PDB file of N, CA and C in Angstrom:
ATOM      1  N   MET A   1     -36.811 -64.998  31.315  1.00  0.00           N
ATOM      2  CA  MET A   1     -37.018 -66.433  31.202  1.00  0.00           C
ATOM      3  C   MET A   1     -38.527 -66.695  31.169  1.00  0.00           C
ATOM      4  N   PRO A   2     -38.992 -67.467  30.201  1.00  0.00           N
ATOM      5  CA  PRO A   2     -40.419 -67.822  30.168  1.00  0.00           C
ATOM      6  C   PRO A   2     -40.807 -68.586  31.428  1.00  0.00           C
ATOM      7  N   ARG A   3     -42.035 -68.419  31.856  1.00  0.00           N
ATOM      8  CA  ARG A   3     -42.484 -69.075  33.083  1.00  0.00           C
ATOM      9  C   ARG A   3     -42.312 -70.589  33.023  1.00  0.00           C
ATOM     10  N   SER A   4     -42.526 -71.188  31.891  1.00  0.00           N
ATOM     11  CA  SER A   4     -42.390 -72.644  31.788  1.00  0.00           C
ATOM     12  C   SER A   4     -40.960 -73.100  32.074  1.00  0.00           C
ATOM     13  N   GLU A   5     -39.971 -72.273  31.769  1.00  0.00           N
ATOM     14  CA  GLU A   5     -38.582 -72.616  32.058  1.00  0.00           C
ATOM     15  C   GLU A   5     -38.328 -72.731  33.551  1.00  0.00           C
ATOM     16  N   SER A   6     -39.017 -71.922  34.343  1.00  0.00           N
ATOM     17  CA  SER A   6     -38.808 -71.958  35.784  1.00  0.00           C
ATOM     18  C   SER A   6     -39.313 -73.256  36.406  1.00  0.00           C
ATOM     19  N   PHE A   7     -40.158 -73.981  35.714  1.00  0.00           N
ATOM     20  CA  PHE A   7     -40.695 -75.248  36.220  1.00  0.00           C
ATOM     21  C   PHE A   7     -39.935 -76.468  35.691  1.00  0.00           C
ATOM     22  N   ARG A   8     -38.961 -76.246  34.834  1.00  0.00           N
ATOM     23  CA  ARG A   8     -38.266 -77.349  34.172  1.00  0.00           C
ATOM     24  C   ARG A   8     -37.732 -78.392  35.152  1.00  0.00           C
ATOM     25  N   ASN A   9     -37.148 -77.956  36.275  1.00  0.00           N
ATOM     26  CA  ASN A   9     -36.576 -78.894  37.245  1.00  0.00           C
ATOM     27  C   ASN A   9     -37.620 -79.537  38.145  1.00  0.00           C
ATOM     28  N   VAL A  10     -38.784 -78.929  38.236  1.00  0.00           N
ATOM     29  CA  VAL A  10     -39.835 -79.427  39.124  1.00  0.00           C
ATOM     30  C   VAL A  10     -40.756 -80.428  38.408  1.00  0.00           C
ATOM     31  N   LEU A  11     -40.890 -80.297  37.129  1.00  0.00           N
ATOM     32  CA  LEU A  11     -41.839 -81.143  36.398  1.00  0.00           C
ATOM     33  C   LEU A  11     -41.597 -82.645  36.568  1.00  0.00           C
ATOM     34  N   PRO A  12     -40.351 -83.142  36.528  1.00  0.00           N
ATOM     35  CA  PRO A  12     -40.165 -84.586  36.736  1.00  0.00           C
ATOM     36  C   PRO A  12     -40.632 -85.050  38.122  1.00  0.00           C
ATOM     37  N   ILE A  13     -40.502 -84.195  39.118  1.00  0.00           N
ATOM     38  CA  ILE A  13     -40.963 -84.551  40.466  1.00  0.00           C
ATOM     39  C   ILE A  13     -42.474 -84.707  40.463  1.00  0.00           C
ATOM     40  N   ILE A  14     -43.147 -83.731  39.884  1.00  0.00           N
ATOM     41  CA  ILE A  14     -44.605 -83.761  39.829  1.00  0.00           C
ATOM     42  C   ILE A  14     -45.076 -84.941  38.984  1.00  0.00           C
ATOM     43  N   ARG A  15     -44.468 -85.102  37.824  1.00  0.00           N
ATOM     44  CA  ARG A  15     -44.915 -86.151  36.901  1.00  0.00           C
ATOM     45  C   ARG A  15     -44.747 -87.557  37.481  1.00  0.00           C
ATOM     46  N   HIS A  16     -43.664 -87.790  38.209  1.00  0.00           N
ATOM     47  CA  HIS A  16     -43.330 -89.159  38.577  1.00  0.00           C
ATOM     48  C   HIS A  16     -43.565 -89.529  40.046  1.00  0.00           C
ATOM     49  N   HIS A  17     -44.194 -88.673  40.823  1.00  0.00           N
ATOM     50  CA  HIS A  17     -44.348 -89.022  42.242  1.00  0.00           C
ATOM     51  C   HIS A  17     -45.408 -90.091  42.492  1.00  0.00           C
ATOM     52  N   HIS A  18     -46.116 -90.529  41.431  1.00  0.00           N
ATOM     53  CA  HIS A  18     -47.055 -91.647  41.569  1.00  0.00           C
ATOM     54  C   HIS A  18     -46.519 -92.944  40.960  1.00  0.00           C
ATOM     55  N   GLU A  19     -45.268 -92.932  40.563  1.00  0.00           N
ATOM     56  CA  GLU A  19     -44.635 -94.167  40.097  1.00  0.00           C
ATOM     57  C   GLU A  19     -44.394 -95.060  41.312  1.00  0.00           C
ATOM     58  N   LYS A  20     -44.231 -96.346  41.073  1.00  0.00           N
ATOM     59  CA  LYS A  20     -43.936 -97.274  42.172  1.00  0.00           C
ATOM     60  C   LYS A  20     -42.639 -98.015  41.884  1.00  0.00           C
ATOM     61  N   TRP A  21     -41.929 -98.319  42.955  1.00  0.00           N
ATOM     62  CA  TRP A  21     -40.620 -98.945  42.875  1.00  0.00           C
ATOM     63  C   TRP A  21     -40.643-100.190  41.989  1.00  0.00           C
ATOM     64  N   ASN A  22     -41.745-100.944  42.013  1.00  0.00           N
ATOM     65  CA  ASN A  22     -41.842-102.188  41.241  1.00  0.00           C
ATOM     66  C   ASN A  22     -42.342-101.978  39.813  1.00  0.00           C
ATOM     67  N   GLY A  23     -42.574-100.730  39.418  1.00  0.00           N
ATOM     68  CA  GLY A  23     -43.001-100.442  38.050  1.00  0.00           C
ATOM     69  C   GLY A  23     -44.496-100.414  37.842  1.00  0.00           C
ATOM     70  N   SER A  24     -45.281-100.606  38.884  1.00  0.00           N
ATOM     71  CA  SER A  24     -46.740-100.674  38.727  1.00  0.00           C
ATOM     72  C   SER A  24     -47.431 -99.312  38.854  1.00  0.00           C
ATOM     73  N   GLY A  25     -46.654 -98.249  38.990  1.00  0.00           N
ATOM     74  CA  GLY A  25     -47.246 -96.923  39.149  1.00  0.00           C
ATOM     75  C   GLY A  25     -47.558 -96.258  37.817  1.00  0.00           C
ATOM     76  N   TYR A  26     -47.821 -94.971  37.873  1.00  0.00           N
ATOM     77  CA  TYR A  26     -48.157 -94.199  36.677  1.00  0.00           C
ATOM     78  C   TYR A  26     -47.531 -92.821  36.773  1.00  0.00           C
ATOM     79  N   PRO A  27     -47.360 -92.094  35.710  1.00  0.00           N
ATOM     80  CA  PRO A  27     -47.960 -92.282  34.384  1.00  0.00           C
ATOM     81  C   PRO A  27     -47.115 -93.105  33.414  1.00  0.00           C
ATOM     82  N   ASP A  28     -45.849 -93.339  33.720  1.00  0.00           N
ATOM     83  CA  ASP A  28     -44.962 -93.971  32.743  1.00  0.00           C
ATOM     84  C   ASP A  28     -44.498 -95.371  33.109  1.00  0.00           C
ATOM     85  N   GLY A  29     -44.941 -95.903  34.241  1.00  0.00           N
ATOM     86  CA  GLY A  29     -44.525 -97.238  34.642  1.00  0.00           C
ATOM     87  C   GLY A  29     -43.033 -97.345  34.916  1.00  0.00           C
ATOM     88  N   LEU A  30     -42.432 -96.266  35.377  1.00  0.00           N
ATOM     89  CA  LEU A  30     -41.004 -96.314  35.715  1.00  0.00           C
ATOM     90  C   LEU A  30     -40.783 -97.260  36.878  1.00  0.00           C
ATOM     91  N   LYS A  31     -39.574 -97.813  36.944  1.00  0.00           N
ATOM     92  CA  LYS A  31     -39.262 -98.818  37.953  1.00  0.00           C
ATOM     93  C   LYS A  31     -37.919 -98.501  38.601  1.00  0.00           C
ATOM     94  N   GLY A  32     -37.845 -98.690  39.924  1.00  0.00           N
ATOM     95  CA  GLY A  32     -36.582 -98.549  40.638  1.00  0.00           C
ATOM     96  C   GLY A  32     -35.923 -97.213  40.411  1.00  0.00           C
ATOM     97  N   ASP A  33     -34.639 -97.271  40.084  1.00  0.00           N
ATOM     98  CA  ASP A  33     -33.858 -96.052  39.908  1.00  0.00           C
ATOM     99  C   ASP A  33     -34.246 -95.235  38.680  1.00  0.00           C
ATOM    100  N   GLN A  34     -35.151 -95.754  37.858  1.00  0.00           N
ATOM    101  CA  GLN A  34     -35.665 -94.940  36.751  1.00  0.00           C
ATOM    102  C   GLN A  34     -36.496 -93.773  37.295  1.00  0.00           C
ATOM    103  N   ILE A  35     -37.063 -93.937  38.475  1.00  0.00           N
ATOM    104  CA  ILE A  35     -37.857 -92.882  39.102  1.00  0.00           C
ATOM    105  C   ILE A  35     -36.873 -91.851  39.643  1.00  0.00           C
ATOM    106  N   PRO A  36     -37.032 -90.593  39.261  1.00  0.00           N
ATOM    107  CA  PRO A  36     -36.090 -89.580  39.758  1.00  0.00           C
ATOM    108  C   PRO A  36     -36.045 -89.568  41.293  1.00  0.00           C
ATOM    109  N   LEU A  37     -34.842 -89.388  41.826  1.00  0.00           N
ATOM    110  CA  LEU A  37     -34.656 -89.370  43.271  1.00  0.00           C
ATOM    111  C   LEU A  37     -35.580 -88.361  43.940  1.00  0.00           C
ATOM    112  N   THR A  38     -35.703 -87.196  43.359  1.00  0.00           N
ATOM    113  CA  THR A  38     -36.549 -86.157  43.956  1.00  0.00           C
ATOM    114  C   THR A  38     -38.007 -86.595  44.011  1.00  0.00           C
ATOM    115  N   ALA A  39     -38.464 -87.342  43.022  1.00  0.00           N
ATOM    116  CA  ALA A  39     -39.833 -87.856  43.042  1.00  0.00           C
ATOM    117  C   ALA A  39     -39.989 -88.920  44.125  1.00  0.00           C
ATOM    118  N   ARG A  40     -38.967 -89.760  44.316  1.00  0.00           N
ATOM    119  CA  ARG A  40     -39.028 -90.773  45.373  1.00  0.00           C
ATOM    120  C   ARG A  40     -39.060 -90.136  46.755  1.00  0.00           C
ATOM    121  N   ILE A  41     -38.343 -89.044  46.920  1.00  0.00           N
ATOM    122  CA  ILE A  41     -38.372 -88.332  48.196  1.00  0.00           C
ATOM    123  C   ILE A  41     -39.758 -87.742  48.421  1.00  0.00           C
ATOM    124  N   LEU A  42     -40.322 -87.123  47.390  1.00  0.00           N
ATOM    125  CA  LEU A  42     -41.672 -86.556  47.517  1.00  0.00           C
ATOM    126  C   LEU A  42     -42.695 -87.647  47.832  1.00  0.00           C
ATOM    127  N   GLN A  43     -42.570 -88.805  47.223  1.00  0.00           N
ATOM    128  CA  GLN A  43     -43.500 -89.904  47.516  1.00  0.00           C
ATOM    129  C   GLN A  43     -43.556 -90.177  49.009  1.00  0.00           C
ATOM    130  N   ILE A  44     -42.408 -90.374  49.600  1.00  0.00           N
ATOM    131  CA  ILE A  44     -42.331 -90.738  51.015  1.00  0.00           C
ATOM    132  C   ILE A  44     -42.898 -89.634  51.893  1.00  0.00           C
ATOM    133  N   THR A  45     -42.512 -88.400  51.615  1.00  0.00           N
ATOM    134  CA  THR A  45     -43.000 -87.300  52.446  1.00  0.00           C
ATOM    135  C   THR A  45     -44.499 -87.084  52.261  1.00  0.00           C
ATOM    136  N   ASP A  46     -44.995 -87.259  51.055  1.00  0.00           N
ATOM    137  CA  ASP A  46     -46.423 -87.093  50.775  1.00  0.00           C
ATOM    138  C   ASP A  46     -47.253 -88.174  51.471  1.00  0.00           C
ATOM    139  N   ILE A  47     -46.786 -89.398  51.418  1.00  0.00           N
ATOM    140  CA  ILE A  47     -47.499 -90.502  52.069  1.00  0.00           C
ATOM    141  C   ILE A  47     -47.503 -90.298  53.581  1.00  0.00           C
ATOM    142  N   TYR A  48     -46.354 -89.950  54.127  1.00  0.00           N
ATOM    143  CA  TYR A  48     -46.263 -89.714  55.569  1.00  0.00           C
ATOM    144  C   TYR A  48     -47.231 -88.607  55.997  1.00  0.00           C
ATOM    145  N   ASP A  49     -47.247 -87.533  55.245  1.00  0.00           N
ATOM    146  CA  ASP A  49     -48.162 -86.433  55.552  1.00  0.00           C
ATOM    147  C   ASP A  49     -49.619 -86.889  55.477  1.00  0.00           C
ATOM    148  N   ALA A  50     -49.954 -87.649  54.454  1.00  0.00           N
ATOM    149  CA  ALA A  50     -51.333 -88.125  54.304  1.00  0.00           C
ATOM    150  C   ALA A  50     -51.746 -89.023  55.469  1.00  0.00           C
ATOM    151  N   LEU A  51     -50.826 -89.824  55.968  1.00  0.00           N
ATOM    152  CA  LEU A  51     -51.149 -90.745  57.056  1.00  0.00           C
ATOM    153  C   LEU A  51     -51.183 -90.070  58.429  1.00  0.00           C
ATOM    154  N   THR A  52     -50.390 -89.036  58.612  1.00  0.00           N
ATOM    155  CA  THR A  52     -50.232 -88.460  59.959  1.00  0.00           C
ATOM    156  C   THR A  52     -50.983 -87.146  60.166  1.00  0.00           C
ATOM    157  N   THR A  53     -51.831 -86.781  59.225  1.00  0.00           N
ATOM    158  CA  THR A  53     -52.672 -85.603  59.401  1.00  0.00           C
ATOM    159  C   THR A  53     -54.141 -86.003  59.343  1.00  0.00           C
ATOM    160  N   ASP A  54     -54.966 -85.247  60.061  1.00  0.00           N
ATOM    161  CA  ASP A  54     -56.403 -85.508  60.038  1.00  0.00           C
ATOM    162  C   ASP A  54     -56.938 -85.348  58.620  1.00  0.00           C
ATOM    163  N   ARG A  55     -57.830 -86.244  58.252  1.00  0.00           N
ATOM    164  CA  ARG A  55     -58.515 -86.207  56.964  1.00  0.00           C
ATOM    165  C   ARG A  55     -60.010 -86.222  57.243  1.00  0.00           C
ATOM    166  N   PRO A  56     -60.825 -85.785  56.308  1.00  0.00           N
ATOM    167  CA  PRO A  56     -62.274 -85.795  56.561  1.00  0.00           C
ATOM    168  C   PRO A  56     -62.813 -87.196  56.867  1.00  0.00           C
ATOM    169  N   TYR A  57     -62.145 -88.215  56.369  1.00  0.00           N
ATOM    170  CA  TYR A  57     -62.621 -89.587  56.506  1.00  0.00           C
ATOM    171  C   TYR A  57     -61.949 -90.373  57.632  1.00  0.00           C
ATOM    172  N   ARG A  58     -60.926 -89.776  58.304  1.00  0.00           N
ATOM    173  CA  ARG A  58     -60.283 -90.454  59.433  1.00  0.00           C
ATOM    174  C   ARG A  58     -59.354 -89.496  60.169  1.00  0.00           C
ATOM    175  N   LYS A  59     -59.071 -89.855  61.403  1.00  0.00           N
ATOM    176  CA  LYS A  59     -58.139 -89.082  62.219  1.00  0.00           C
ATOM    177  C   LYS A  59     -56.700 -89.420  61.811  1.00  0.00           C
ATOM    178  N   ALA A  60     -55.796 -88.539  62.156  1.00  0.00           N
ATOM    179  CA  ALA A  60     -54.379 -88.761  61.879  1.00  0.00           C
ATOM    180  C   ALA A  60     -53.891 -90.015  62.593  1.00  0.00           C
ATOM    181  N   LEU A  61     -53.028 -90.750  61.938  1.00  0.00           N
ATOM    182  CA  LEU A  61     -52.403 -91.919  62.544  1.00  0.00           C
ATOM    183  C   LEU A  61     -51.158 -91.489  63.303  1.00  0.00           C
ATOM    184  N   SER A  62     -50.755 -92.298  64.262  1.00  0.00           N
ATOM    185  CA  SER A  62     -49.509 -92.021  64.982  1.00  0.00           C
ATOM    186  C   SER A  62     -48.333 -92.225  64.036  1.00  0.00           C
ATOM    187  N   GLN A  63     -47.208 -91.648  64.422  1.00  0.00           N
ATOM    188  CA  GLN A  63     -45.988 -91.820  63.646  1.00  0.00           C
ATOM    189  C   GLN A  63     -45.641 -93.304  63.525  1.00  0.00           C
ATOM    190  N   GLU A  64     -45.785 -94.037  64.600  1.00  0.00           N
ATOM    191  CA  GLU A  64     -45.448 -95.462  64.594  1.00  0.00           C
ATOM    192  C   GLU A  64     -46.336 -96.237  63.628  1.00  0.00           C
ATOM    193  N   LYS A  65     -47.644 -95.965  63.653  1.00  0.00           N
ATOM    194  CA  LYS A  65     -48.582 -96.661  62.754  1.00  0.00           C
ATOM    195  C   LYS A  65     -48.294 -96.288  61.303  1.00  0.00           C
ATOM    196  N   ALA A  66     -48.013 -95.009  61.068  1.00  0.00           N
ATOM    197  CA  ALA A  66     -47.719 -94.568  59.701  1.00  0.00           C
ATOM    198  C   ALA A  66     -46.497 -95.296  59.144  1.00  0.00           C
ATOM    199  N   PHE A  67     -45.431 -95.370  59.950  1.00  0.00           N
ATOM    200  CA  PHE A  67     -44.233 -96.053  59.471  1.00  0.00           C
ATOM    201  C   PHE A  67     -44.477 -97.552  59.297  1.00  0.00           C
ATOM    202  N   ALA A  68     -45.311 -98.153  60.125  1.00  0.00           N
ATOM    203  CA  ALA A  68     -45.638 -99.576  59.955  1.00  0.00           C
ATOM    204  C   ALA A  68     -46.345 -99.797  58.611  1.00  0.00           C
ATOM    205  N   ILE A  69     -47.286 -98.932  58.283  1.00  0.00           N
ATOM    206  CA  ILE A  69     -48.001 -99.038  57.005  1.00  0.00           C
ATOM    207  C   ILE A  69     -47.030 -98.842  55.844  1.00  0.00           C
ATOM    208  N   MET A  70     -46.187 -97.838  55.955  1.00  0.00           N
ATOM    209  CA  MET A  70     -45.244 -97.560  54.881  1.00  0.00           C
ATOM    210  C   MET A  70     -44.243 -98.701  54.698  1.00  0.00           C
ATOM    211  N   ARG A  71     -43.832 -99.355  55.788  1.00  0.00           N
ATOM    212  CA  ARG A  71     -42.930-100.514  55.693  1.00  0.00           C
ATOM    213  C   ARG A  71     -43.618-101.671  54.951  1.00  0.00           C
ATOM    214  N   GLU A  72     -44.906-101.869  55.233  1.00  0.00           N
ATOM    215  CA  GLU A  72     -45.655-102.906  54.502  1.00  0.00           C
ATOM    216  C   GLU A  72     -45.707-102.575  53.015  1.00  0.00           C
ATOM    217  N   GLU A  73     -45.878-101.304  52.695  1.00  0.00           N
ATOM    218  CA  GLU A  73     -45.923-100.898  51.290  1.00  0.00           C
ATOM    219  C   GLU A  73     -44.562-101.060  50.614  1.00  0.00           C
ATOM    220  N   VAL A  74     -43.481-100.873  51.353  1.00  0.00           N
ATOM    221  CA  VAL A  74     -42.142-101.148  50.809  1.00  0.00           C
ATOM    222  C   VAL A  74     -42.036-102.645  50.480  1.00  0.00           C
ATOM    223  N   LYS A  75     -42.543-103.498  51.374  1.00  0.00           N
ATOM    224  CA  LYS A  75     -42.507-104.952  51.120  1.00  0.00           C
ATOM    225  C   LYS A  75     -43.299-105.327  49.872  1.00  0.00           C
ATOM    226  N   ARG A  76     -44.348-104.563  49.560  1.00  0.00           N
ATOM    227  CA  ARG A  76     -45.145-104.804  48.349  1.00  0.00           C
ATOM    228  C   ARG A  76     -44.441-104.312  47.086  1.00  0.00           C
ATOM    229  N   GLY A  77     -43.330-103.608  47.276  1.00  0.00           N
ATOM    230  CA  GLY A  77     -42.595-103.098  46.134  1.00  0.00           C
ATOM    231  C   GLY A  77     -43.029-101.726  45.669  1.00  0.00           C
ATOM    232  N   TRP A  78     -43.716-100.991  46.525  1.00  0.00           N
ATOM    233  CA  TRP A  78     -44.239 -99.696  46.097  1.00  0.00           C
ATOM    234  C   TRP A  78     -43.236 -98.565  46.225  1.00  0.00           C
ATOM    235  N   TRP A  79     -42.415 -98.550  47.273  1.00  0.00           N
ATOM    236  CA  TRP A  79     -41.552 -97.399  47.558  1.00  0.00           C
ATOM    237  C   TRP A  79     -40.101 -97.834  47.729  1.00  0.00           C
ATOM    238  N   ASP A  80     -39.221 -96.893  47.609  1.00  0.00           N
ATOM    239  CA  ASP A  80     -37.791 -97.108  47.795  1.00  0.00           C
ATOM    240  C   ASP A  80     -37.517 -97.193  49.301  1.00  0.00           C
ATOM    241  N   GLY A  81     -37.195 -98.365  49.784  1.00  0.00           N
ATOM    242  CA  GLY A  81     -36.970 -98.580  51.208  1.00  0.00           C
ATOM    243  C   GLY A  81     -35.809 -97.775  51.765  1.00  0.00           C
ATOM    244  N   SER A  82     -34.800 -97.501  50.954  1.00  0.00           N
ATOM    245  CA  SER A  82     -33.671 -96.716  51.449  1.00  0.00           C
ATOM    246  C   SER A  82     -34.084 -95.271  51.724  1.00  0.00           C
ATOM    247  N   ILE A  83     -34.981 -94.734  50.918  1.00  0.00           N
ATOM    248  CA  ILE A  83     -35.494 -93.382  51.162  1.00  0.00           C
ATOM    249  C   ILE A  83     -36.327 -93.379  52.438  1.00  0.00           C
ATOM    250  N   LEU A  84     -37.147 -94.397  52.617  1.00  0.00           N
ATOM    251  CA  LEU A  84     -37.951 -94.496  53.834  1.00  0.00           C
ATOM    252  C   LEU A  84     -37.046 -94.605  55.060  1.00  0.00           C
ATOM    253  N   ASP A  85     -35.978 -95.379  54.973  1.00  0.00           N
ATOM    254  CA  ASP A  85     -35.037 -95.497  56.088  1.00  0.00           C
ATOM    255  C   ASP A  85     -34.502 -94.130  56.496  1.00  0.00           C
ATOM    256  N   GLU A  86     -34.063 -93.368  55.512  1.00  0.00           N
ATOM    257  CA  GLU A  86     -33.499 -92.040  55.792  1.00  0.00           C
ATOM    258  C   GLU A  86     -34.559 -91.104  56.365  1.00  0.00           C
ATOM    259  N   PHE A  87     -35.747 -91.114  55.771  1.00  0.00           N
ATOM    260  CA  PHE A  87     -36.819 -90.246  56.243  1.00  0.00           C
ATOM    261  C   PHE A  87     -37.212 -90.594  57.675  1.00  0.00           C
ATOM    262  N   GLU A  88     -37.323 -91.878  57.948  1.00  0.00           N
ATOM    263  CA  GLU A  88     -37.696 -92.303  59.306  1.00  0.00           C
ATOM    264  C   GLU A  88     -36.647 -91.877  60.313  1.00  0.00           C
ATOM    265  N   ALA A  89     -35.385 -91.986  59.974  1.00  0.00           N
ATOM    266  CA  ALA A  89     -34.314 -91.572  60.872  1.00  0.00           C
ATOM    267  C   ALA A  89     -34.424 -90.080  61.196  1.00  0.00           C
ATOM    268  N   VAL A  90     -34.735 -89.293  60.196  1.00  0.00           N
ATOM    269  CA  VAL A  90     -34.893 -87.853  60.407  1.00  0.00           C
ATOM    270  C   VAL A  90     -36.149 -87.585  61.239  1.00  0.00           C
ATOM    271  N   ALA A  91     -37.251 -88.231  60.873  1.00  0.00           N
ATOM    272  CA  ALA A  91     -38.528 -87.994  61.569  1.00  0.00           C
ATOM    273  C   ALA A  91     -38.479 -88.415  63.032  1.00  0.00           C
ATOM    274  N   GLN A  92     -37.714 -89.429  63.343  1.00  0.00           N
ATOM    275  CA  GLN A  92     -37.609 -89.893  64.732  1.00  0.00           C
ATOM    276  C   GLN A  92     -36.985 -88.817  65.619  1.00  0.00           C
ATOM    277  N   GLY A  93     -36.248 -87.898  65.008  1.00  0.00           N
ATOM    278  CA  GLY A  93     -35.617 -86.823  65.767  1.00  0.00           C
ATOM    279  C   GLY A  93     -36.570 -85.698  66.140  1.00  0.00           C
ATOM    280  N   PHE A  94     -37.787 -85.741  65.618  1.00  0.00           N
ATOM    281  CA  PHE A  94     -38.764 -84.681  65.905  1.00  0.00           C
ATOM    282  C   PHE A  94     -39.777 -85.112  66.913  1.00  0.00           C
TER     283      PHE A  94
END
């Protein structure tokens, strides 16, 4: 199998994880359920990781602060709130 074939299922996740629920994201301006589910899951986990880990420009935020920020972003229409609900339920168990 050519190497590019092995990435066939991963490419939509990579390509679309910067789309936004309201259609204002990139690269294709996908909206809502047009964004592949796997990309929506990656969005939430990537944002959570970015907020809750130390960065050169700021310290890691608490889990509570991170989820508060992400909830505000859901209200702005950026992320799938149902995915955030599920992720938060899982994360609360850790």
